PDB file of N, CA and C in Angstrom:
ATOM      1  N   MET A   1     182.517 149.715  22.893  1.00  0.00           N
ATOM      2  CA  MET A   1     181.257 149.932  22.201  1.00  0.00           C
ATOM      3  C   MET A   1     181.247 151.290  21.499  1.00  0.00           C
ATOM      4  N   ILE A   2     181.754 152.324  22.190  1.00  0.00           N
ATOM      5  CA  ILE A   2     181.791 153.661  21.584  1.00  0.00           C
ATOM      6  C   ILE A   2     182.701 153.658  20.368  1.00  0.00           C
ATOM      7  N   ALA A   3     183.837 152.969  20.480  1.00  0.00           N
ATOM      8  CA  ALA A   3     184.750 152.894  19.335  1.00  0.00           C
ATOM      9  C   ALA A   3     184.075 152.219  18.148  1.00  0.00           C
ATOM     10  N   LEU A   4     183.287 151.217  18.417  1.00  0.00           N
ATOM     11  CA  LEU A   4     182.565 150.518  17.353  1.00  0.00           C
ATOM     12  C   LEU A   4     181.546 151.435  16.688  1.00  0.00           C
ATOM     13  N   LEU A   5     180.838 152.213  17.492  1.00  0.00           N
ATOM     14  CA  LEU A   5     179.881 153.173  16.937  1.00  0.00           C
ATOM     15  C   LEU A   5     180.589 154.227  16.102  1.00  0.00           C
ATOM     16  N   ALA A   6     181.730 154.712  16.590  1.00  0.00           N
ATOM     17  CA  ALA A   6     182.488 155.720  15.850  1.00  0.00           C
ATOM     18  C   ALA A   6     182.962 155.172  14.517  1.00  0.00           C
ATOM     19  N   LEU A   7     183.238 153.895  14.479  1.00  0.00           N
ATOM     20  CA  LEU A   7     183.694 153.267  13.249  1.00  0.00           C
ATOM     21  C   LEU A   7     182.593 153.200  12.198  1.00  0.00           C
ATOM     22  N   PHE A   8     181.368 152.925  12.631  1.00  0.00           N
ATOM     23  CA  PHE A   8     180.272 152.735  11.691  1.00  0.00           C
ATOM     24  C   PHE A   8     179.443 153.987  11.424  1.00  0.00           C
ATOM     25  N   PHE A   9     179.606 155.050  12.207  1.00  0.00           N
ATOM     26  CA  PHE A   9     178.816 156.259  12.005  1.00  0.00           C
ATOM     27  C   PHE A   9     179.016 156.870  10.622  1.00  0.00           C
ATOM     28  N   PRO A  10     180.280 157.034  10.140  1.00  0.00           N
ATOM     29  CA  PRO A  10     180.422 157.614   8.792  1.00  0.00           C
ATOM     30  C   PRO A  10     179.712 156.803   7.717  1.00  0.00           C
ATOM     31  N   LEU A  11     179.763 155.487   7.830  1.00  0.00           N
ATOM     32  CA  LEU A  11     179.076 154.648   6.848  1.00  0.00           C
ATOM     33  C   LEU A  11     177.572 154.833   6.930  1.00  0.00           C
ATOM     34  N   SER A  12     177.039 154.909   8.143  1.00  0.00           N
ATOM     35  CA  SER A  12     175.594 155.094   8.286  1.00  0.00           C
ATOM     36  C   SER A  12     175.166 156.451   7.757  1.00  0.00           C
ATOM     37  N   LEU A  13     176.006 157.468   7.939  1.00  0.00           N
ATOM     38  CA  LEU A  13     175.704 158.795   7.396  1.00  0.00           C
ATOM     39  C   LEU A  13     175.647 158.727   5.880  1.00  0.00           C
ATOM     40  N   THR A  14     176.615 158.066   5.285  1.00  0.00           N
ATOM     41  CA  THR A  14     176.647 157.929   3.831  1.00  0.00           C
ATOM     42  C   THR A  14     175.416 157.189   3.326  1.00  0.00           C
ATOM     43  N   LEU A  15     175.063 156.089   3.971  1.00  0.00           N
ATOM     44  CA  LEU A  15     173.906 155.314   3.533  1.00  0.00           C
ATOM     45  C   LEU A  15     172.604 156.074   3.728  1.00  0.00           C
ATOM     46  N   ALA A  16     172.454 156.761   4.839  1.00  0.00           N
ATOM     47  CA  ALA A  16     171.223 157.502   5.111  1.00  0.00           C
ATOM     48  C   ALA A  16     171.039 158.642   4.127  1.00  0.00           C
ATOM     49  N   CYS A  17     172.130 159.310   3.789  1.00  0.00           N
ATOM     50  CA  CYS A  17     172.038 160.453   2.886  1.00  0.00           C
ATOM     51  C   CYS A  17     171.814 160.022   1.446  1.00  0.00           C
ATOM     52  N   SER A  18     172.257 158.824   1.106  1.00  0.00           N
ATOM     53  CA  SER A  18     172.205 158.426  -0.294  1.00  0.00           C
ATOM     54  C   SER A  18     170.873 157.811  -0.703  1.00  0.00           C
ATOM     55  N   GLN A  19     169.996 157.524   0.229  1.00  0.00           N
ATOM     56  CA  GLN A  19     168.773 156.822  -0.117  1.00  0.00           C
ATOM     57  C   GLN A  19     167.695 157.720  -0.704  1.00  0.00           C
ATOM     58  N   SER A  20     167.755 159.020  -0.490  1.00  0.00           N
ATOM     59  CA  SER A  20     166.659 159.866  -0.932  1.00  0.00           C
ATOM     60  C   SER A  20     167.038 160.852  -2.029  1.00  0.00           C
ATOM     61  N   ASP A  21     168.296 161.003  -2.331  1.00  0.00           N
ATOM     62  CA  ASP A  21     168.740 162.036  -3.252  1.00  0.00           C
ATOM     63  C   ASP A  21     169.722 161.427  -4.258  1.00  0.00           C
ATOM     64  N   PRO A  22     169.423 161.513  -5.552  1.00  0.00           N
ATOM     65  CA  PRO A  22     170.338 160.953  -6.550  1.00  0.00           C
ATOM     66  C   PRO A  22     171.730 161.587  -6.496  1.00  0.00           C
ATOM     67  N   ARG A  23     171.795 162.877  -6.133  1.00  0.00           N
ATOM     68  CA  ARG A  23     173.107 163.523  -6.002  1.00  0.00           C
ATOM     69  C   ARG A  23     173.905 162.889  -4.871  1.00  0.00           C
ATOM     70  N   ALA A  24     173.211 162.563  -3.790  1.00  0.00           N
ATOM     71  CA  ALA A  24     173.878 161.936  -2.655  1.00  0.00           C
ATOM     72  C   ALA A  24     174.384 160.547  -3.032  1.00  0.00           C
ATOM     73  N   GLU A  25     173.601 159.830  -3.796  1.00  0.00           N
ATOM     74  CA  GLU A  25     174.029 158.505  -4.262  1.00  0.00           C
ATOM     75  C   GLU A  25     175.255 158.635  -5.159  1.00  0.00           C
ATOM     76  N   ALA A  26     175.232 159.596  -6.068  1.00  0.00           N
ATOM     77  CA  ALA A  26     176.377 159.814  -6.953  1.00  0.00           C
ATOM     78  C   ALA A  26     177.605 160.220  -6.150  1.00  0.00           C
ATOM     79  N   TRP A  27     177.408 161.111  -5.158  1.00  0.00           N
ATOM     80  CA  TRP A  27     178.533 161.511  -4.302  1.00  0.00           C
ATOM     81  C   TRP A  27     179.127 160.278  -3.624  1.00  0.00           C
ATOM     82  N   SER A  28     178.280 159.440  -3.055  1.00  0.00           N
ATOM     83  CA  SER A  28     178.745 158.260  -2.335  1.00  0.00           C
ATOM     84  C   SER A  28     179.551 157.337  -3.250  1.00  0.00           C
ATOM     85  N   GLN A  29     179.076 157.132  -4.449  1.00  0.00           N
ATOM     86  CA  GLN A  29     179.781 156.256  -5.390  1.00  0.00           C
ATOM     87  C   GLN A  29     181.160 156.809  -5.732  1.00  0.00           C
ATOM     88  N   HIS A  30     181.222 158.115  -6.036  1.00  0.00           N
ATOM     89  CA  HIS A  30     182.509 158.728  -6.388  1.00  0.00           C
ATOM     90  C   HIS A  30     183.446 158.777  -5.185  1.00  0.00           C
ATOM     91  N   TYR A  31     182.903 159.099  -4.016  1.00  0.00           N
ATOM     92  CA  TYR A  31     183.713 159.173  -2.804  1.00  0.00           C
ATOM     93  C   TYR A  31     184.314 157.805  -2.479  1.00  0.00           C
ATOM     94  N   GLN A  32     183.494 156.773  -2.501  1.00  0.00           N
ATOM     95  CA  GLN A  32     183.985 155.425  -2.193  1.00  0.00           C
ATOM     96  C   GLN A  32     184.988 154.948  -3.252  1.00  0.00           C
ATOM     97  N   ALA A  33     184.724 155.256  -4.508  1.00  0.00           N
ATOM     98  CA  ALA A  33     185.666 154.878  -5.567  1.00  0.00           C
ATOM     99  C   ALA A  33     186.998 155.598  -5.384  1.00  0.00           C
ATOM    100  N   GLY A  34     186.938 156.867  -5.016  1.00  0.00           N
ATOM    101  CA  GLY A  34     188.158 157.635  -4.777  1.00  0.00           C
ATOM    102  C   GLY A  34     188.959 157.097  -3.611  1.00  0.00           C
ATOM    103  N   ARG A  35     188.281 156.776  -2.533  1.00  0.00           N
ATOM    104  CA  ARG A  35     188.974 156.212  -1.363  1.00  0.00           C
ATOM    105  C   ARG A  35     189.595 154.862  -1.699  1.00  0.00           C
ATOM    106  N   ALA A  36     188.862 154.045  -2.437  1.00  0.00           N
ATOM    107  CA  ALA A  36     189.396 152.732  -2.813  1.00  0.00           C
ATOM    108  C   ALA A  36     190.629 152.890  -3.700  1.00  0.00           C
ATOM    109  N   ALA A  37     190.549 153.778  -4.674  1.00  0.00           N
ATOM    110  CA  ALA A  37     191.684 154.005  -5.571  1.00  0.00           C
ATOM    111  C   ALA A  37     192.879 154.561  -4.801  1.00  0.00           C
ATOM    112  N   LEU A  38     192.626 155.465  -3.878  1.00  0.00           N
ATOM    113  CA  LEU A  38     193.705 156.020  -3.061  1.00  0.00           C
ATOM    114  C   LEU A  38     194.376 154.918  -2.247  1.00  0.00           C
ATOM    115  N   GLY A  39     193.587 154.045  -1.675  1.00  0.00           N
ATOM    116  CA  GLY A  39     194.127 152.944  -0.889  1.00  0.00           C
ATOM    117  C   GLY A  39     194.947 151.961  -1.711  1.00  0.00           C
ATOM    118  N   GLN A  40     194.725 151.955  -3.020  1.00  0.00           N
ATOM    119  CA  GLN A  40     195.452 151.053  -3.916  1.00  0.00           C
ATOM    120  C   GLN A  40     196.516 151.798  -4.723  1.00  0.00           C
ATOM    121  N   SER A  41     196.822 153.030  -4.314  1.00  0.00           N
ATOM    122  CA  SER A  41     197.853 153.867  -4.948  1.00  0.00           C
ATOM    123  C   SER A  41     197.567 154.166  -6.415  1.00  0.00           C
ATOM    124  N   ARG A  42     196.301 154.181  -6.785  1.00  0.00           N
ATOM    125  CA  ARG A  42     195.904 154.590  -8.140  1.00  0.00           C
ATOM    126  C   ARG A  42     195.517 156.065  -8.047  1.00  0.00           C
ATOM    127  N   PHE A  43     196.538 156.911  -7.998  1.00  0.00           N
ATOM    128  CA  PHE A  43     196.344 158.302  -7.623  1.00  0.00           C
ATOM    129  C   PHE A  43     195.570 159.128  -8.646  1.00  0.00           C
ATOM    130  N   ASP A  44     195.818 158.918  -9.917  1.00  0.00           N
ATOM    131  CA  ASP A  44     195.074 159.682 -10.928  1.00  0.00           C
ATOM    132  C   ASP A  44     193.585 159.352 -10.873  1.00  0.00           C
ATOM    133  N   GLU A  45     193.281 158.075 -10.745  1.00  0.00           N
ATOM    134  CA  GLU A  45     191.885 157.646 -10.639  1.00  0.00           C
ATOM    135  C   GLU A  45     191.244 158.196  -9.361  1.00  0.00           C
ATOM    136  N   ALA A  46     191.998 158.164  -8.266  1.00  0.00           N
ATOM    137  CA  ALA A  46     191.493 158.688  -6.990  1.00  0.00           C
ATOM    138  C   ALA A  46     191.196 160.175  -7.104  1.00  0.00           C
ATOM    139  N   GLU A  47     192.102 160.912  -7.733  1.00  0.00           N
ATOM    140  CA  GLU A  47     191.899 162.355  -7.864  1.00  0.00           C
ATOM    141  C   GLU A  47     190.658 162.669  -8.695  1.00  0.00           C
ATOM    142  N   GLN A  48     190.473 161.951  -9.773  1.00  0.00           N
ATOM    143  CA  GLN A  48     189.311 162.185 -10.631  1.00  0.00           C
ATOM    144  C   GLN A  48     188.011 161.902  -9.879  1.00  0.00           C
ATOM    145  N   ALA A  49     187.949 160.776  -9.190  1.00  0.00           N
ATOM    146  CA  ALA A  49     186.728 160.406  -8.466  1.00  0.00           C
ATOM    147  C   ALA A  49     186.455 161.370  -7.316  1.00  0.00           C
ATOM    148  N   LEU A  50     187.490 161.722  -6.558  1.00  0.00           N
ATOM    149  CA  LEU A  50     187.297 162.621  -5.419  1.00  0.00           C
ATOM    150  C   LEU A  50     186.967 164.042  -5.873  1.00  0.00           C
ATOM    151  N   ALA A  51     187.551 164.482  -6.976  1.00  0.00           N
ATOM    152  CA  ALA A  51     187.221 165.811  -7.497  1.00  0.00           C
ATOM    153  C   ALA A  51     185.752 165.868  -7.913  1.00  0.00           C
ATOM    154  N   HIS A  52     185.272 164.809  -8.517  1.00  0.00           N
ATOM    155  CA  HIS A  52     183.854 164.755  -8.901  1.00  0.00           C
ATOM    156  C   HIS A  52     182.978 164.735  -7.646  1.00  0.00           C
ATOM    157  N   ALA A  53     183.389 163.958  -6.642  1.00  0.00           N
ATOM    158  CA  ALA A  53     182.639 163.911  -5.387  1.00  0.00           C
ATOM    159  C   ALA A  53     182.610 165.283  -4.717  1.00  0.00           C
ATOM    160  N   LEU A  54     183.718 166.014  -4.785  1.00  0.00           N
ATOM    161  CA  LEU A  54     183.762 167.348  -4.178  1.00  0.00           C
ATOM    162  C   LEU A  54     182.816 168.302  -4.902  1.00  0.00           C
ATOM    163  N   THR A  55     182.774 168.220  -6.222  1.00  0.00           N
ATOM    164  CA  THR A  55     181.842 169.049  -6.991  1.00  0.00           C
ATOM    165  C   THR A  55     180.400 168.760  -6.580  1.00  0.00           C
ATOM    166  N   LEU A  56     180.081 167.493  -6.400  1.00  0.00           N
ATOM    167  CA  LEU A  56     178.736 167.132  -5.946  1.00  0.00           C
ATOM    168  C   LEU A  56     178.486 167.618  -4.523  1.00  0.00           C
ATOM    169  N   ALA A  57     179.477 167.484  -3.661  1.00  0.00           N
ATOM    170  CA  ALA A  57     179.322 167.901  -2.264  1.00  0.00           C
ATOM    171  C   ALA A  57     179.060 169.399  -2.153  1.00  0.00           C
ATOM    172  N   GLU A  58     179.570 170.172  -3.095  1.00  0.00           N
ATOM    173  CA  GLU A  58     179.338 171.622  -3.086  1.00  0.00           C
ATOM    174  C   GLU A  58     177.868 171.966  -3.290  1.00  0.00           C
ATOM    175  N   THR A  59     177.086 171.036  -3.808  1.00  0.00           N
ATOM    176  CA  THR A  59     175.670 171.310  -4.074  1.00  0.00           C
ATOM    177  C   THR A  59     174.777 171.021  -2.875  1.00  0.00           C
ATOM    178  N   PHE A  60     175.338 170.409  -1.828  1.00  0.00           N
ATOM    179  CA  PHE A  60     174.550 170.107  -0.635  1.00  0.00           C
ATOM    180  C   PHE A  60     174.434 171.347   0.245  1.00  0.00           C
ATOM    181  N   VAL A  61     173.648 171.249   1.296  1.00  0.00           N
ATOM    182  CA  VAL A  61     173.439 172.384   2.199  1.00  0.00           C
ATOM    183  C   VAL A  61     174.769 172.834   2.794  1.00  0.00           C
ATOM    184  N   PRO A  62     174.872 174.128   3.161  1.00  0.00           N
ATOM    185  CA  PRO A  62     176.107 174.610   3.792  1.00  0.00           C
ATOM    186  C   PRO A  62     176.446 173.771   5.029  1.00  0.00           C
ATOM    187  N   ASP A  63     177.704 173.574   5.247  1.00  0.00           N
ATOM    188  CA  ASP A  63     178.226 172.814   6.392  1.00  0.00           C
ATOM    189  C   ASP A  63     177.895 171.329   6.345  1.00  0.00           C
ATOM    190  N   ASP A  64     177.492 170.814   5.204  1.00  0.00           N
ATOM    191  CA  ASP A  64     177.269 169.374   5.079  1.00  0.00           C
ATOM    192  C   ASP A  64     178.626 168.674   5.259  1.00  0.00           C
ATOM    193  N   PRO A  65     178.697 167.656   6.090  1.00  0.00           N
ATOM    194  CA  PRO A  65     179.985 167.015   6.373  1.00  0.00           C
ATOM    195  C   PRO A  65     180.610 166.299   5.176  1.00  0.00           C
ATOM    196  N   ARG A  66     179.836 166.029   4.158  1.00  0.00           N
ATOM    197  CA  ARG A  66     180.400 165.355   2.986  1.00  0.00           C
ATOM    198  C   ARG A  66     181.422 166.230   2.277  1.00  0.00           C
ATOM    199  N   TYR A  67     181.240 167.546   2.334  1.00  0.00           N
ATOM    200  CA  TYR A  67     182.213 168.437   1.690  1.00  0.00           C
ATOM    201  C   TYR A  67     183.570 168.334   2.382  1.00  0.00           C
ATOM    202  N   SER A  68     183.577 168.460   3.706  1.00  0.00           N
ATOM    203  CA  SER A  68     184.855 168.421   4.426  1.00  0.00           C
ATOM    204  C   SER A  68     185.494 167.035   4.349  1.00  0.00           C
ATOM    205  N   ARG A  69     184.690 165.991   4.378  1.00  0.00           N
ATOM    206  CA  ARG A  69     185.236 164.631   4.254  1.00  0.00           C
ATOM    207  C   ARG A  69     185.922 164.445   2.908  1.00  0.00           C
ATOM    208  N   THR A  70     185.289 164.943   1.857  1.00  0.00           N
ATOM    209  CA  THR A  70     185.850 164.791   0.521  1.00  0.00           C
ATOM    210  C   THR A  70     187.097 165.644   0.357  1.00  0.00           C
ATOM    211  N   ALA A  71     187.049 166.881   0.840  1.00  0.00           N
ATOM    212  CA  ALA A  71     188.216 167.765   0.765  1.00  0.00           C
ATOM    213  C   ALA A  71     189.391 167.165   1.534  1.00  0.00           C
ATOM    214  N   HIS A  72     189.101 166.549   2.663  1.00  0.00           N
ATOM    215  CA  HIS A  72     190.152 165.911   3.457  1.00  0.00           C
ATOM    216  C   HIS A  72     190.814 164.775   2.668  1.00  0.00           C
ATOM    217  N   GLN A  73     190.026 163.975   1.991  1.00  0.00           N
ATOM    218  CA  GLN A  73     190.592 162.879   1.201  1.00  0.00           C
ATOM    219  C   GLN A  73     191.451 163.412   0.050  1.00  0.00           C
ATOM    220  N   LEU A  74     191.003 164.494  -0.576  1.00  0.00           N
ATOM    221  CA  LEU A  74     191.815 165.103  -1.638  1.00  0.00           C
ATOM    222  C   LEU A  74     193.123 165.641  -1.074  1.00  0.00           C
ATOM    223  N   ALA A  75     193.068 166.245   0.098  1.00  0.00           N
ATOM    224  CA  ALA A  75     194.287 166.743   0.738  1.00  0.00           C
ATOM    225  C   ALA A  75     195.234 165.584   1.053  1.00  0.00           C
ATOM    226  N   GLN A  76     194.680 164.480   1.538  1.00  0.00           N
ATOM    227  CA  GLN A  76     195.510 163.301   1.822  1.00  0.00           C
ATOM    228  C   GLN A  76     196.191 162.804   0.545  1.00  0.00           C
ATOM    229  N   LEU A  77     195.467 162.833  -0.544  1.00  0.00           N
ATOM    230  CA  LEU A  77     196.033 162.425  -1.827  1.00  0.00           C
ATOM    231  C   LEU A  77     197.230 163.298  -2.183  1.00  0.00           C
ATOM    232  N   HIS A  78     197.086 164.606  -2.017  1.00  0.00           N
ATOM    233  CA  HIS A  78     198.183 165.518  -2.342  1.00  0.00           C
ATOM    234  C   HIS A  78     199.373 165.322  -1.408  1.00  0.00           C
ATOM    235  N   VAL A  79     199.126 165.014  -0.154  1.00  0.00           N
ATOM    236  CA  VAL A  79     200.213 164.731   0.786  1.00  0.00           C
ATOM    237  C   VAL A  79     200.965 163.477   0.349  1.00  0.00           C
ATOM    238  N   VAL A  80     200.230 162.430   0.009  1.00  0.00           N
ATOM    239  CA  VAL A  80     200.856 161.174  -0.414  1.00  0.00           C
ATOM    240  C   VAL A  80     201.694 161.393  -1.668  1.00  0.00           C
ATOM    241  N   ARG A  81     201.221 162.224  -2.546  1.00  0.00           N
ATOM    242  CA  ARG A  81     201.962 162.524  -3.774  1.00  0.00           C
ATOM    243  C   ARG A  81     203.151 163.450  -3.529  1.00  0.00           C
ATOM    244  N   GLY A  82     203.247 164.016  -2.334  1.00  0.00           N
ATOM    245  CA  GLY A  82     204.329 164.936  -2.017  1.00  0.00           C
ATOM    246  C   GLY A  82     204.062 166.350  -2.481  1.00  0.00           C
ATOM    247  N   GLU A  83     202.821 166.655  -2.802  1.00  0.00           N
ATOM    248  CA  GLU A  83     202.458 167.988  -3.290  1.00  0.00           C
ATOM    249  C   GLU A  83     202.149 168.948  -2.149  1.00  0.00           C
ATOM    250  N   LEU A  84     201.831 168.420  -0.984  1.00  0.00           N
ATOM    251  CA  LEU A  84     201.599 169.229   0.216  1.00  0.00           C
ATOM    252  C   LEU A  84     202.434 168.634   1.335  1.00  0.00           C
ATOM    253  N   ALA A  85     202.893 169.486   2.208  1.00  0.00           N
ATOM    254  CA  ALA A  85     203.678 168.965   3.345  1.00  0.00           C
ATOM    255  C   ALA A  85     203.106 169.473   4.645  1.00  0.00           C
TER     256      ALA A  85
END
């Protein structure tokens, strides 16, 4: 049960944050598009979407988890490309 909750918590955070703020909705769209593109090895598209999501995440309150989540996905992209080891 705990594993199931851990699986759905990030999605619930994204949905809860996106319902009241247009910036949050835009972040969610770019973040999800970036993750989808990364999963399909469309790296240029993933980088563009995640970079836009990171710019939006910078506008949220300090320590908002969306910033670190987005930065982590960008780092994963660079690792997959062999740019970071």
